[in-house]
Structures are given as structure tokens and as C-alpha cells.
């Protein structure tokens, strides 16, 4: 796994051992960042199910101003911190070990870009979208990027969030939600 472009271009990132996490493929990551490329510069990013932190790190590499990385796994938090240090973004980031609902319930910040790439077999994606809609942490004009298995159908509307785009890349699909 590597950073595709930007100031950390080509940096190889650590991944988590085992099958507990499913890293976003380079193909899907590149497609997502091509879609949002003009919405990254100077933005605040939340990587909610961060895993290795690759999506938030890619955003920082492309000019995002600050990133918050949240994962419930202590091992994931350790890997994220190591990856941020390797690419020298550790001063532009906060890394937290927390369950996503606990984090969202306590969150008082606004974000311009939110990455949601939870474990596929669970209903975390729908629950996270619902909670984000309720607590209003998406800035005006902000984007939520949801990665899911292609066969999983996502609602067109969740609270005040509207699915504005739906893309498929092999077995993976990506939805963009806006307010």
C-alpha cells in the first residue's frame, strides 16, 4: 500500500496483519481521489474507520490541512501513528482509539471530508451516516465518502444527507453523500 500522489507520493505505508481490516485498493483509492481532487486543499478530514490511515494520509498528502483518524483497534492506532510519522504528517493529525459511535457522540468538530470504510459485514456504515446526520459535523459543502461491497444497497437519503453519486469498481462501490 502506498501514497498515490502529493507531498508524500510513493511512500509505502504499513498495513495491519491478518484479515481484520480490508485496505482500500489502490484502484478504488485513486478513483475516489480523482472524484474529490478539487475539494481537498485546505480541508479538515475525518477518517472514521481508519485502519492503517491510508485514506486520511492520502488526503493530507494532497493538501488537506488537518486529519482526525479514529479506529477502535489499538493495533490500528499504532500503525496509523507510525504511518503519519513516516510521511511527516503527525503534526497535522489526531489519532484516537475509539468506537465510532462513541467518538461521534462526543464529537464537536466540523469536517469537510469524511471517509467511511467500515467492515463490510456489519451495519456500521448506515449507523455512522445516521449519527453524522443527527450531530451535524459535516461542514457546508462537505462530502462523505462511503466504501461498501457492490451488492450492498445504500439509501438515497439519510436524515439530511443525500447520496449525490454512486460509483462501482469491480466488487467495491463508493457513495458520495452531501447535505
N, C-alpha and C. Protein backbone atom coordinates (compact mmCIF):
# COMPACT_ATOMS: atom_id res chain seq x y z
N UNK A 1 0.86 -1.17 0.00
CA UNK A 1 0.00 0.00 0.00
C UNK A 1 0.90 1.23 0.00
N UNK A 2 0.55 2.20 -0.83
CA UNK A 2 1.38 3.38 -0.99
C UNK A 2 0.53 4.64 -1.10
N UNK A 3 1.16 5.78 -0.89
CA UNK A 3 0.51 7.06 -1.13
C UNK A 3 0.63 7.33 -2.63
N UNK A 4 -0.49 7.64 -3.27
CA UNK A 4 -0.54 7.74 -4.73
C UNK A 4 0.11 9.03 -5.24
N UNK A 5 -0.25 10.17 -4.65
CA UNK A 5 0.30 11.43 -5.16
C UNK A 5 0.37 12.47 -4.05
N UNK A 6 0.90 13.62 -4.38
CA UNK A 6 1.03 14.70 -3.42
C UNK A 6 2.40 14.72 -2.77
N UNK A 7 2.50 15.39 -1.65
CA UNK A 7 3.79 15.59 -1.00
C UNK A 7 4.42 14.31 -0.47
N UNK A 8 3.63 13.29 -0.21
CA UNK A 8 4.15 12.00 0.29
C UNK A 8 4.11 10.92 -0.80
N UNK A 9 4.01 11.35 -2.03
CA UNK A 9 3.88 10.42 -3.16
C UNK A 9 4.90 9.28 -3.11
N UNK A 10 4.39 8.06 -3.29
CA UNK A 10 5.23 6.88 -3.36
C UNK A 10 5.58 6.27 -2.02
N UNK A 11 5.28 6.94 -0.91
CA UNK A 11 5.62 6.39 0.41
C UNK A 11 4.84 5.10 0.64
N UNK A 12 5.55 4.08 1.08
CA UNK A 12 4.89 2.81 1.40
C UNK A 12 4.39 2.88 2.83
N UNK A 13 3.14 2.50 3.02
CA UNK A 13 2.52 2.55 4.34
C UNK A 13 2.43 1.15 4.94
N UNK A 14 2.54 1.11 6.26
CA UNK A 14 2.35 -0.16 6.97
C UNK A 14 0.88 -0.56 6.88
N UNK A 15 0.64 -1.85 6.89
CA UNK A 15 -0.73 -2.36 6.95
C UNK A 15 -0.87 -3.20 8.19
N UNK A 16 -2.09 -3.50 8.53
CA UNK A 16 -2.37 -4.36 9.68
C UNK A 16 -2.26 -5.82 9.27
N UNK A 17 -1.74 -6.62 10.17
CA UNK A 17 -1.64 -8.06 9.93
C UNK A 17 -3.01 -8.70 10.03
N UNK A 18 -3.20 -9.80 9.30
CA UNK A 18 -4.43 -10.57 9.41
C UNK A 18 -5.55 -10.06 8.53
N UNK A 19 -6.73 -10.59 8.76
CA UNK A 19 -7.88 -10.29 7.92
C UNK A 19 -8.89 -9.38 8.61
N UNK A 20 -8.51 -8.80 9.75
CA UNK A 20 -9.45 -7.95 10.50
C UNK A 20 -9.77 -6.66 9.76
N UNK A 21 -8.85 -6.19 8.93
CA UNK A 21 -9.11 -4.98 8.14
C UNK A 21 -8.98 -5.30 6.66
N UNK A 22 -9.63 -4.49 5.86
CA UNK A 22 -9.61 -4.67 4.42
C UNK A 22 -9.18 -3.34 3.82
N UNK A 23 -7.90 -3.21 3.47
CA UNK A 23 -7.43 -1.93 2.93
C UNK A 23 -8.13 -1.60 1.61
N UNK A 24 -8.37 -0.33 1.39
CA UNK A 24 -8.91 0.13 0.11
C UNK A 24 -7.87 -0.12 -0.97
N UNK A 25 -8.29 -0.71 -2.07
CA UNK A 25 -7.35 -1.00 -3.16
C UNK A 25 -6.85 0.32 -3.77
N UNK A 26 -5.66 0.27 -4.35
CA UNK A 26 -5.11 1.47 -5.00
C UNK A 26 -6.04 1.97 -6.10
N UNK A 27 -6.68 1.05 -6.81
CA UNK A 27 -7.59 1.42 -7.90
C UNK A 27 -8.77 2.24 -7.37
N UNK A 28 -9.39 1.75 -6.30
CA UNK A 28 -10.54 2.45 -5.72
C UNK A 28 -10.09 3.77 -5.10
N UNK A 29 -8.96 3.75 -4.39
CA UNK A 29 -8.45 4.97 -3.76
C UNK A 29 -8.16 6.03 -4.81
N UNK A 30 -7.51 5.64 -5.90
CA UNK A 30 -7.21 6.60 -6.96
C UNK A 30 -8.49 7.16 -7.57
N UNK A 31 -9.48 6.32 -7.79
CA UNK A 31 -10.76 6.77 -8.35
C UNK A 31 -11.44 7.76 -7.41
N UNK A 32 -11.48 7.44 -6.12
CA UNK A 32 -12.11 8.33 -5.13
C UNK A 32 -11.42 9.70 -5.13
N UNK A 33 -10.10 9.69 -5.12
CA UNK A 33 -9.39 10.97 -5.06
C UNK A 33 -9.45 11.74 -6.38
N UNK A 34 -9.66 11.06 -7.48
CA UNK A 34 -9.91 11.77 -8.74
C UNK A 34 -11.25 12.48 -8.68
N UNK A 35 -12.23 11.86 -8.04
CA UNK A 35 -13.57 12.45 -7.91
C UNK A 35 -13.53 13.70 -7.04
N UNK A 36 -12.79 13.66 -5.93
CA UNK A 36 -12.81 14.77 -4.97
C UNK A 36 -11.56 15.67 -5.04
N UNK A 37 -10.75 15.52 -6.08
CA UNK A 37 -9.46 16.20 -6.15
C UNK A 37 -9.52 17.72 -5.94
N UNK A 38 -10.59 18.37 -6.35
CA UNK A 38 -10.67 19.82 -6.20
C UNK A 38 -11.31 20.24 -4.88
N UNK A 39 -11.66 19.26 -4.05
CA UNK A 39 -12.30 19.54 -2.76
C UNK A 39 -11.40 19.27 -1.57
N UNK A 40 -10.12 19.02 -1.79
CA UNK A 40 -9.22 18.58 -0.71
C UNK A 40 -8.39 19.72 -0.11
N UNK A 41 -7.86 20.58 -0.93
CA UNK A 41 -6.90 21.61 -0.49
C UNK A 41 -7.44 22.42 0.70
N UNK A 42 -6.68 22.39 1.80
CA UNK A 42 -7.02 23.18 2.98
C UNK A 42 -8.18 22.64 3.80
N UNK A 43 -8.66 21.47 3.52
CA UNK A 43 -9.85 20.93 4.20
C UNK A 43 -9.49 20.12 5.45
N UNK A 44 -10.48 19.99 6.31
CA UNK A 44 -10.39 19.14 7.51
C UNK A 44 -11.03 17.79 7.19
N UNK A 45 -10.30 16.72 7.52
CA UNK A 45 -10.69 15.38 7.12
C UNK A 45 -10.90 14.49 8.35
N UNK A 46 -11.93 13.66 8.30
CA UNK A 46 -12.17 12.63 9.31
C UNK A 46 -12.09 11.27 8.62
N UNK A 47 -11.18 10.42 9.07
CA UNK A 47 -11.07 9.04 8.59
C UNK A 47 -11.60 8.18 9.73
N UNK A 48 -12.90 7.84 9.67
CA UNK A 48 -13.59 7.29 10.84
C UNK A 48 -13.26 5.83 11.14
N UNK A 49 -13.18 4.99 10.17
CA UNK A 49 -12.79 3.59 10.37
C UNK A 49 -11.39 3.47 9.76
N UNK A 50 -10.42 4.10 10.37
CA UNK A 50 -9.16 4.43 9.72
C UNK A 50 -8.29 3.24 9.33
N UNK A 51 -8.32 2.15 10.06
CA UNK A 51 -7.46 1.01 9.71
C UNK A 51 -6.00 1.40 9.74
N UNK A 52 -5.36 1.50 8.58
CA UNK A 52 -3.96 1.93 8.50
C UNK A 52 -3.83 3.44 8.33
N UNK A 53 -4.95 4.11 8.10
CA UNK A 53 -4.94 5.56 7.91
C UNK A 53 -4.71 6.00 6.48
N UNK A 54 -4.72 5.06 5.54
CA UNK A 54 -4.33 5.40 4.18
C UNK A 54 -5.20 6.45 3.50
N UNK A 55 -6.51 6.47 3.75
CA UNK A 55 -7.36 7.46 3.08
C UNK A 55 -7.10 8.87 3.62
N UNK A 56 -7.03 9.00 4.93
CA UNK A 56 -6.72 10.31 5.51
C UNK A 56 -5.33 10.78 5.16
N UNK A 57 -4.37 9.87 5.12
CA UNK A 57 -2.99 10.23 4.75
C UNK A 57 -2.93 10.68 3.29
N UNK A 58 -3.66 10.00 2.42
CA UNK A 58 -3.70 10.42 1.02
C UNK A 58 -4.27 11.84 0.92
N UNK A 59 -5.30 12.13 1.71
CA UNK A 59 -5.89 13.48 1.69
C UNK A 59 -4.87 14.51 2.19
N UNK A 60 -4.15 14.20 3.25
CA UNK A 60 -3.13 15.12 3.76
C UNK A 60 -2.03 15.33 2.72
N UNK A 61 -1.64 14.26 2.05
CA UNK A 61 -0.61 14.35 1.01
C UNK A 61 -1.06 15.27 -0.13
N UNK A 62 -2.36 15.31 -0.37
CA UNK A 62 -2.91 16.13 -1.46
C UNK A 62 -3.32 17.52 -1.00
N UNK A 63 -2.97 17.90 0.22
CA UNK A 63 -3.18 19.28 0.65
C UNK A 63 -4.23 19.53 1.71
N UNK A 64 -4.87 18.49 2.24
CA UNK A 64 -5.79 18.71 3.36
C UNK A 64 -5.00 19.32 4.51
N UNK A 65 -5.65 20.18 5.28
CA UNK A 65 -4.93 20.89 6.34
C UNK A 65 -4.80 20.09 7.62
N UNK A 66 -5.77 19.23 7.90
CA UNK A 66 -5.76 18.51 9.17
C UNK A 66 -6.59 17.24 9.05
N UNK A 67 -6.18 16.20 9.75
CA UNK A 67 -6.91 14.94 9.72
C UNK A 67 -7.12 14.37 11.11
N UNK A 68 -8.29 13.80 11.33
CA UNK A 68 -8.58 13.05 12.54
C UNK A 68 -8.80 11.60 12.12
N UNK A 69 -8.07 10.70 12.77
CA UNK A 69 -8.10 9.29 12.46
C UNK A 69 -8.67 8.54 13.66
N UNK A 70 -9.74 7.78 13.44
CA UNK A 70 -10.40 7.07 14.53
C UNK A 70 -10.50 5.58 14.17
N UNK A 71 -10.07 4.74 15.09
CA UNK A 71 -10.25 3.30 14.93
C UNK A 71 -10.35 2.70 16.32
N UNK A 72 -11.13 1.63 16.45
CA UNK A 72 -11.30 1.03 17.77
C UNK A 72 -10.16 0.08 18.14
N UNK A 73 -9.36 -0.31 17.17
CA UNK A 73 -8.27 -1.26 17.40
C UNK A 73 -6.99 -0.56 17.86
N UNK A 74 -6.42 -1.04 18.96
CA UNK A 74 -5.15 -0.50 19.45
C UNK A 74 -4.04 -0.72 18.43
N UNK A 75 -4.06 -1.86 17.77
CA UNK A 75 -3.05 -2.15 16.75
C UNK A 75 -3.17 -1.19 15.58
N UNK A 76 -4.41 -0.89 15.16
CA UNK A 76 -4.63 0.06 14.06
C UNK A 76 -4.11 1.44 14.45
N UNK A 77 -4.38 1.88 15.65
CA UNK A 77 -3.91 3.18 16.12
C UNK A 77 -2.39 3.24 16.07
N UNK A 78 -1.74 2.17 16.47
CA UNK A 78 -0.27 2.10 16.44
C UNK A 78 0.25 2.22 15.00
N UNK A 79 -0.40 1.52 14.07
CA UNK A 79 0.01 1.56 12.66
C UNK A 79 -0.24 2.95 12.07
N UNK A 80 -1.38 3.55 12.38
CA UNK A 80 -1.69 4.90 11.88
C UNK A 80 -0.63 5.90 12.35
N UNK A 81 -0.31 5.85 13.63
CA UNK A 81 0.70 6.77 14.17
C UNK A 81 2.05 6.58 13.48
N UNK A 82 2.44 5.32 13.24
CA UNK A 82 3.70 5.04 12.55
C UNK A 82 3.66 5.56 11.12
N UNK A 83 2.54 5.37 10.44
CA UNK A 83 2.41 5.85 9.06
C UNK A 83 2.44 7.37 9.00
N UNK A 84 1.75 8.03 9.91
CA UNK A 84 1.77 9.50 9.94
C UNK A 84 3.18 10.04 10.21
N UNK A 85 3.88 9.39 11.12
CA UNK A 85 5.25 9.81 11.41
C UNK A 85 6.15 9.61 10.20
N UNK A 86 5.99 8.47 9.51
CA UNK A 86 6.81 8.17 8.34
C UNK A 86 6.67 9.23 7.26
N UNK A 87 5.45 9.70 7.02
CA UNK A 87 5.22 10.69 5.96
C UNK A 87 5.24 12.13 6.50
N UNK A 88 5.58 12.28 7.77
CA UNK A 88 5.75 13.57 8.44
C UNK A 88 4.46 14.40 8.49
N UNK A 89 3.33 13.71 8.71
CA UNK A 89 2.05 14.40 8.89
C UNK A 89 1.56 14.31 10.33
N UNK A 90 2.40 13.82 11.24
CA UNK A 90 1.96 13.61 12.61
C UNK A 90 1.58 14.91 13.32
N UNK A 91 2.08 16.06 12.86
CA UNK A 91 1.72 17.34 13.46
C UNK A 91 0.40 17.89 12.90
N UNK A 92 -0.07 17.29 11.82
CA UNK A 92 -1.32 17.72 11.18
C UNK A 92 -2.47 16.75 11.47
N UNK A 93 -2.29 15.91 12.50
CA UNK A 93 -3.28 14.86 12.71
C UNK A 93 -3.49 14.56 14.19
N UNK A 94 -4.67 14.05 14.46
CA UNK A 94 -5.01 13.50 15.76
C UNK A 94 -5.44 12.07 15.51
N UNK A 95 -4.93 11.15 16.33
CA UNK A 95 -5.28 9.74 16.20
C UNK A 95 -5.94 9.30 17.50
N UNK A 96 -7.12 8.72 17.38
CA UNK A 96 -7.88 8.32 18.56
C UNK A 96 -8.31 6.86 18.48
N UNK A 97 -8.19 6.18 19.61
CA UNK A 97 -8.72 4.82 19.70
C UNK A 97 -10.10 4.92 20.32
N UNK A 98 -11.12 4.60 19.51
CA UNK A 98 -12.49 4.72 19.99
C UNK A 98 -13.43 3.97 19.08
N UNK A 99 -14.51 3.52 19.65
CA UNK A 99 -15.63 3.00 18.88
C UNK A 99 -16.22 4.18 18.10
N UNK A 100 -16.65 3.94 16.87
CA UNK A 100 -17.11 5.06 16.03
C UNK A 100 -18.31 5.79 16.62
N UNK A 101 -19.26 5.08 17.21
CA UNK A 101 -20.43 5.75 17.78
C UNK A 101 -20.07 6.58 19.01
N UNK A 102 -19.16 6.06 19.82
CA UNK A 102 -18.69 6.81 21.00
C UNK A 102 -17.99 8.09 20.54
N UNK A 103 -17.13 7.97 19.53
CA UNK A 103 -16.44 9.15 19.02
C UNK A 103 -17.44 10.17 18.48
N UNK A 104 -18.36 9.70 17.62
CA UNK A 104 -19.33 10.63 17.03
C UNK A 104 -20.20 11.29 18.09
N UNK A 105 -20.58 10.55 19.11
CA UNK A 105 -21.42 11.11 20.18
C UNK A 105 -20.73 12.24 20.92
N UNK A 106 -19.40 12.17 21.01
CA UNK A 106 -18.65 13.20 21.72
C UNK A 106 -18.08 14.28 20.80
N UNK A 107 -18.17 14.09 19.50
CA UNK A 107 -17.54 14.99 18.53
C UNK A 107 -18.20 16.37 18.51
N UNK A 108 -17.36 17.39 18.56
CA UNK A 108 -17.84 18.78 18.49
C UNK A 108 -17.15 19.55 17.37
N UNK A 109 -16.48 18.83 16.48
CA UNK A 109 -15.76 19.46 15.37
C UNK A 109 -16.56 19.34 14.09
N UNK A 110 -16.23 20.18 13.13
CA UNK A 110 -16.81 20.09 11.78
C UNK A 110 -15.74 19.59 10.83
N UNK A 111 -16.15 18.79 9.86
CA UNK A 111 -15.24 18.24 8.87
C UNK A 111 -15.76 18.53 7.47
N UNK A 112 -14.82 18.73 6.55
CA UNK A 112 -15.17 18.98 5.16
C UNK A 112 -15.26 17.69 4.36
N UNK A 113 -14.45 16.70 4.74
CA UNK A 113 -14.45 15.40 4.08
C UNK A 113 -14.45 14.33 5.16
N UNK A 114 -15.37 13.39 5.04
CA UNK A 114 -15.45 12.27 5.98
C UNK A 114 -15.36 10.97 5.19
N UNK A 115 -14.38 10.14 5.54
CA UNK A 115 -14.23 8.83 4.92
C UNK A 115 -14.86 7.78 5.83
N UNK A 116 -15.76 6.98 5.25
CA UNK A 116 -16.38 5.87 5.97
C UNK A 116 -16.09 4.59 5.21
N UNK A 117 -15.22 3.77 5.76
CA UNK A 117 -14.87 2.49 5.14
C UNK A 117 -14.86 1.42 6.23
N UNK A 118 -16.04 1.11 6.78
CA UNK A 118 -16.12 0.16 7.89
C UNK A 118 -16.04 -1.29 7.42
N UNK A 119 -15.95 -2.21 8.37
CA UNK A 119 -16.02 -3.63 7.99
C UNK A 119 -17.31 -3.89 7.20
N UNK A 120 -17.18 -4.61 6.10
CA UNK A 120 -18.32 -4.81 5.20
C UNK A 120 -19.47 -5.59 5.83
N UNK A 121 -19.18 -6.56 6.66
CA UNK A 121 -20.21 -7.48 7.14
C UNK A 121 -21.11 -6.89 8.22
N UNK A 122 -20.87 -5.66 8.61
CA UNK A 122 -21.64 -5.08 9.70
C UNK A 122 -22.44 -3.87 9.22
N UNK A 123 -23.32 -3.38 10.07
CA UNK A 123 -24.19 -2.25 9.69
C UNK A 123 -23.60 -0.92 10.13
N UNK A 124 -22.29 -0.86 10.32
CA UNK A 124 -21.64 0.37 10.78
C UNK A 124 -21.84 1.54 9.83
N UNK A 125 -21.87 1.28 8.53
CA UNK A 125 -21.98 2.35 7.55
C UNK A 125 -23.30 3.11 7.73
N UNK A 126 -24.39 2.39 7.79
CA UNK A 126 -25.69 3.03 7.97
C UNK A 126 -25.78 3.76 9.32
N UNK A 127 -25.25 3.11 10.37
CA UNK A 127 -25.29 3.72 11.70
C UNK A 127 -24.44 4.99 11.76
N UNK A 128 -23.28 4.96 11.12
CA UNK A 128 -22.41 6.15 11.11
C UNK A 128 -23.07 7.29 10.34
N UNK A 129 -23.64 6.99 9.18
CA UNK A 129 -24.34 8.04 8.40
C UNK A 129 -25.48 8.66 9.20
N UNK A 130 -26.26 7.82 9.86
CA UNK A 130 -27.38 8.32 10.66
C UNK A 130 -26.88 9.23 11.78
N UNK A 131 -25.86 8.81 12.47
CA UNK A 131 -25.32 9.60 13.59
C UNK A 131 -24.71 10.92 13.08
N UNK A 132 -24.00 10.88 11.96
CA UNK A 132 -23.41 12.10 11.39
C UNK A 132 -24.50 13.08 11.02
N UNK A 133 -25.60 12.58 10.47
CA UNK A 133 -26.72 13.44 10.13
C UNK A 133 -27.32 14.08 11.38
N UNK A 134 -27.42 13.32 12.45
CA UNK A 134 -28.02 13.81 13.69
C UNK A 134 -27.16 14.86 14.38
N UNK A 135 -25.85 14.69 14.36
CA UNK A 135 -24.98 15.57 15.15
C UNK A 135 -24.42 16.74 14.35
N UNK A 136 -24.61 16.74 13.04
CA UNK A 136 -24.24 17.89 12.22
C UNK A 136 -22.76 18.24 12.29
N UNK A 137 -21.89 17.27 11.92
CA UNK A 137 -20.45 17.54 11.91
C UNK A 137 -19.90 17.75 10.49
N UNK A 138 -20.76 17.63 9.49
CA UNK A 138 -20.34 17.86 8.12
C UNK A 138 -20.49 19.34 7.79
N UNK A 139 -19.39 19.97 7.38
CA UNK A 139 -19.42 21.40 7.08
C UNK A 139 -20.29 21.67 5.85
N UNK A 140 -20.65 22.93 5.68
CA UNK A 140 -21.40 23.35 4.50
C UNK A 140 -20.58 23.01 3.26
N UNK A 141 -21.16 22.29 2.32
CA UNK A 141 -20.46 21.87 1.11
C UNK A 141 -19.57 20.65 1.31
N UNK A 142 -19.63 20.04 2.50
CA UNK A 142 -18.79 18.88 2.82
C UNK A 142 -19.25 17.62 2.09
N UNK A 143 -18.37 16.62 2.08
CA UNK A 143 -18.61 15.36 1.37
C UNK A 143 -18.32 14.20 2.31
N UNK A 144 -19.19 13.20 2.26
CA UNK A 144 -18.95 11.93 2.95
C UNK A 144 -18.72 10.88 1.87
N UNK A 145 -17.59 10.17 1.97
CA UNK A 145 -17.27 9.11 1.01
C UNK A 145 -17.44 7.78 1.71
N UNK A 146 -18.35 6.96 1.20
CA UNK A 146 -18.66 5.66 1.80
C UNK A 146 -18.21 4.54 0.87
N UNK A 147 -17.38 3.65 1.39
CA UNK A 147 -16.98 2.46 0.62
C UNK A 147 -17.80 1.29 1.13
N UNK A 148 -18.28 0.48 0.18
CA UNK A 148 -19.15 -0.65 0.53
C UNK A 148 -18.99 -1.75 -0.50
N UNK A 149 -19.48 -2.97 -0.16
CA UNK A 149 -19.50 -4.01 -1.19
C UNK A 149 -20.54 -3.64 -2.25
N UNK A 150 -20.27 -3.98 -3.47
CA UNK A 150 -21.14 -3.60 -4.59
C UNK A 150 -22.59 -4.04 -4.38
N UNK A 151 -22.79 -5.21 -3.80
CA UNK A 151 -24.15 -5.75 -3.65
C UNK A 151 -24.95 -5.07 -2.53
N UNK A 152 -24.29 -4.31 -1.68
CA UNK A 152 -25.00 -3.63 -0.59
C UNK A 152 -25.67 -2.37 -1.14
N UNK A 153 -26.94 -2.25 -0.92
CA UNK A 153 -27.70 -1.08 -1.40
C UNK A 153 -27.76 -0.05 -0.28
N UNK A 154 -27.41 1.17 -0.62
CA UNK A 154 -27.44 2.26 0.35
C UNK A 154 -28.65 3.15 0.09
N UNK A 155 -29.21 3.73 1.15
CA UNK A 155 -30.36 4.61 0.98
C UNK A 155 -29.99 5.89 0.24
N UNK A 156 -30.93 6.43 -0.51
CA UNK A 156 -30.71 7.68 -1.24
C UNK A 156 -30.65 8.87 -0.29
N UNK A 157 -31.35 8.76 0.85
CA UNK A 157 -31.39 9.84 1.82
C UNK A 157 -31.24 9.26 3.22
N UNK A 158 -30.39 9.88 4.03
CA UNK A 158 -30.24 9.52 5.44
C UNK A 158 -30.31 10.82 6.22
N UNK A 159 -31.43 11.05 6.90
CA UNK A 159 -31.62 12.32 7.60
C UNK A 159 -31.56 13.45 6.60
N UNK A 160 -30.60 14.38 6.79
CA UNK A 160 -30.45 15.49 5.84
C UNK A 160 -29.32 15.25 4.84
N UNK A 161 -28.81 14.02 4.79
CA UNK A 161 -27.74 13.67 3.85
C UNK A 161 -28.33 13.01 2.61
N UNK A 162 -27.85 13.43 1.45
CA UNK A 162 -28.36 12.93 0.17
C UNK A 162 -27.22 12.26 -0.58
N UNK A 163 -27.49 11.06 -1.10
CA UNK A 163 -26.50 10.37 -1.92
C UNK A 163 -26.46 11.07 -3.27
N UNK A 164 -25.34 11.74 -3.54
CA UNK A 164 -25.23 12.52 -4.77
C UNK A 164 -24.56 11.74 -5.90
N UNK A 165 -23.77 10.74 -5.57
CA UNK A 165 -23.08 9.94 -6.59
C UNK A 165 -22.95 8.50 -6.11
N UNK A 166 -22.91 7.58 -7.07
CA UNK A 166 -22.74 6.15 -6.79
C UNK A 166 -21.83 5.58 -7.87
N UNK A 167 -20.67 5.05 -7.46
CA UNK A 167 -19.70 4.52 -8.41
C UNK A 167 -19.40 3.06 -8.08
N UNK A 168 -19.11 2.25 -9.10
CA UNK A 168 -18.74 0.86 -8.89
C UNK A 168 -17.38 0.58 -9.51
N UNK A 169 -16.56 -0.15 -8.76
CA UNK A 169 -15.22 -0.55 -9.19
C UNK A 169 -15.06 -2.03 -8.85
N UNK A 170 -15.40 -2.90 -9.78
CA UNK A 170 -15.33 -4.33 -9.51
C UNK A 170 -16.31 -4.71 -8.42
N UNK A 171 -15.81 -5.32 -7.35
CA UNK A 171 -16.66 -5.76 -6.24
C UNK A 171 -16.90 -4.66 -5.21
N UNK A 172 -16.32 -3.49 -5.43
CA UNK A 172 -16.42 -2.39 -4.49
C UNK A 172 -17.25 -1.26 -5.08
N UNK A 173 -18.06 -0.64 -4.24
CA UNK A 173 -18.83 0.53 -4.66
C UNK A 173 -18.54 1.69 -3.71
N UNK A 174 -18.71 2.89 -4.20
CA UNK A 174 -18.46 4.10 -3.43
C UNK A 174 -19.66 5.03 -3.61
N UNK A 175 -20.17 5.53 -2.48
CA UNK A 175 -21.24 6.51 -2.49
C UNK A 175 -20.71 7.82 -1.95
N UNK A 176 -21.15 8.93 -2.53
CA UNK A 176 -20.84 10.25 -2.00
C UNK A 176 -22.12 10.85 -1.47
N UNK A 177 -22.08 11.27 -0.22
CA UNK A 177 -23.22 11.93 0.41
C UNK A 177 -22.88 13.39 0.67
N UNK A 178 -23.86 14.24 0.47
CA UNK A 178 -23.72 15.67 0.77
C UNK A 178 -24.96 16.10 1.53
N UNK A 179 -24.92 17.28 2.10
CA UNK A 179 -26.08 17.80 2.83
C UNK A 179 -27.05 18.40 1.83
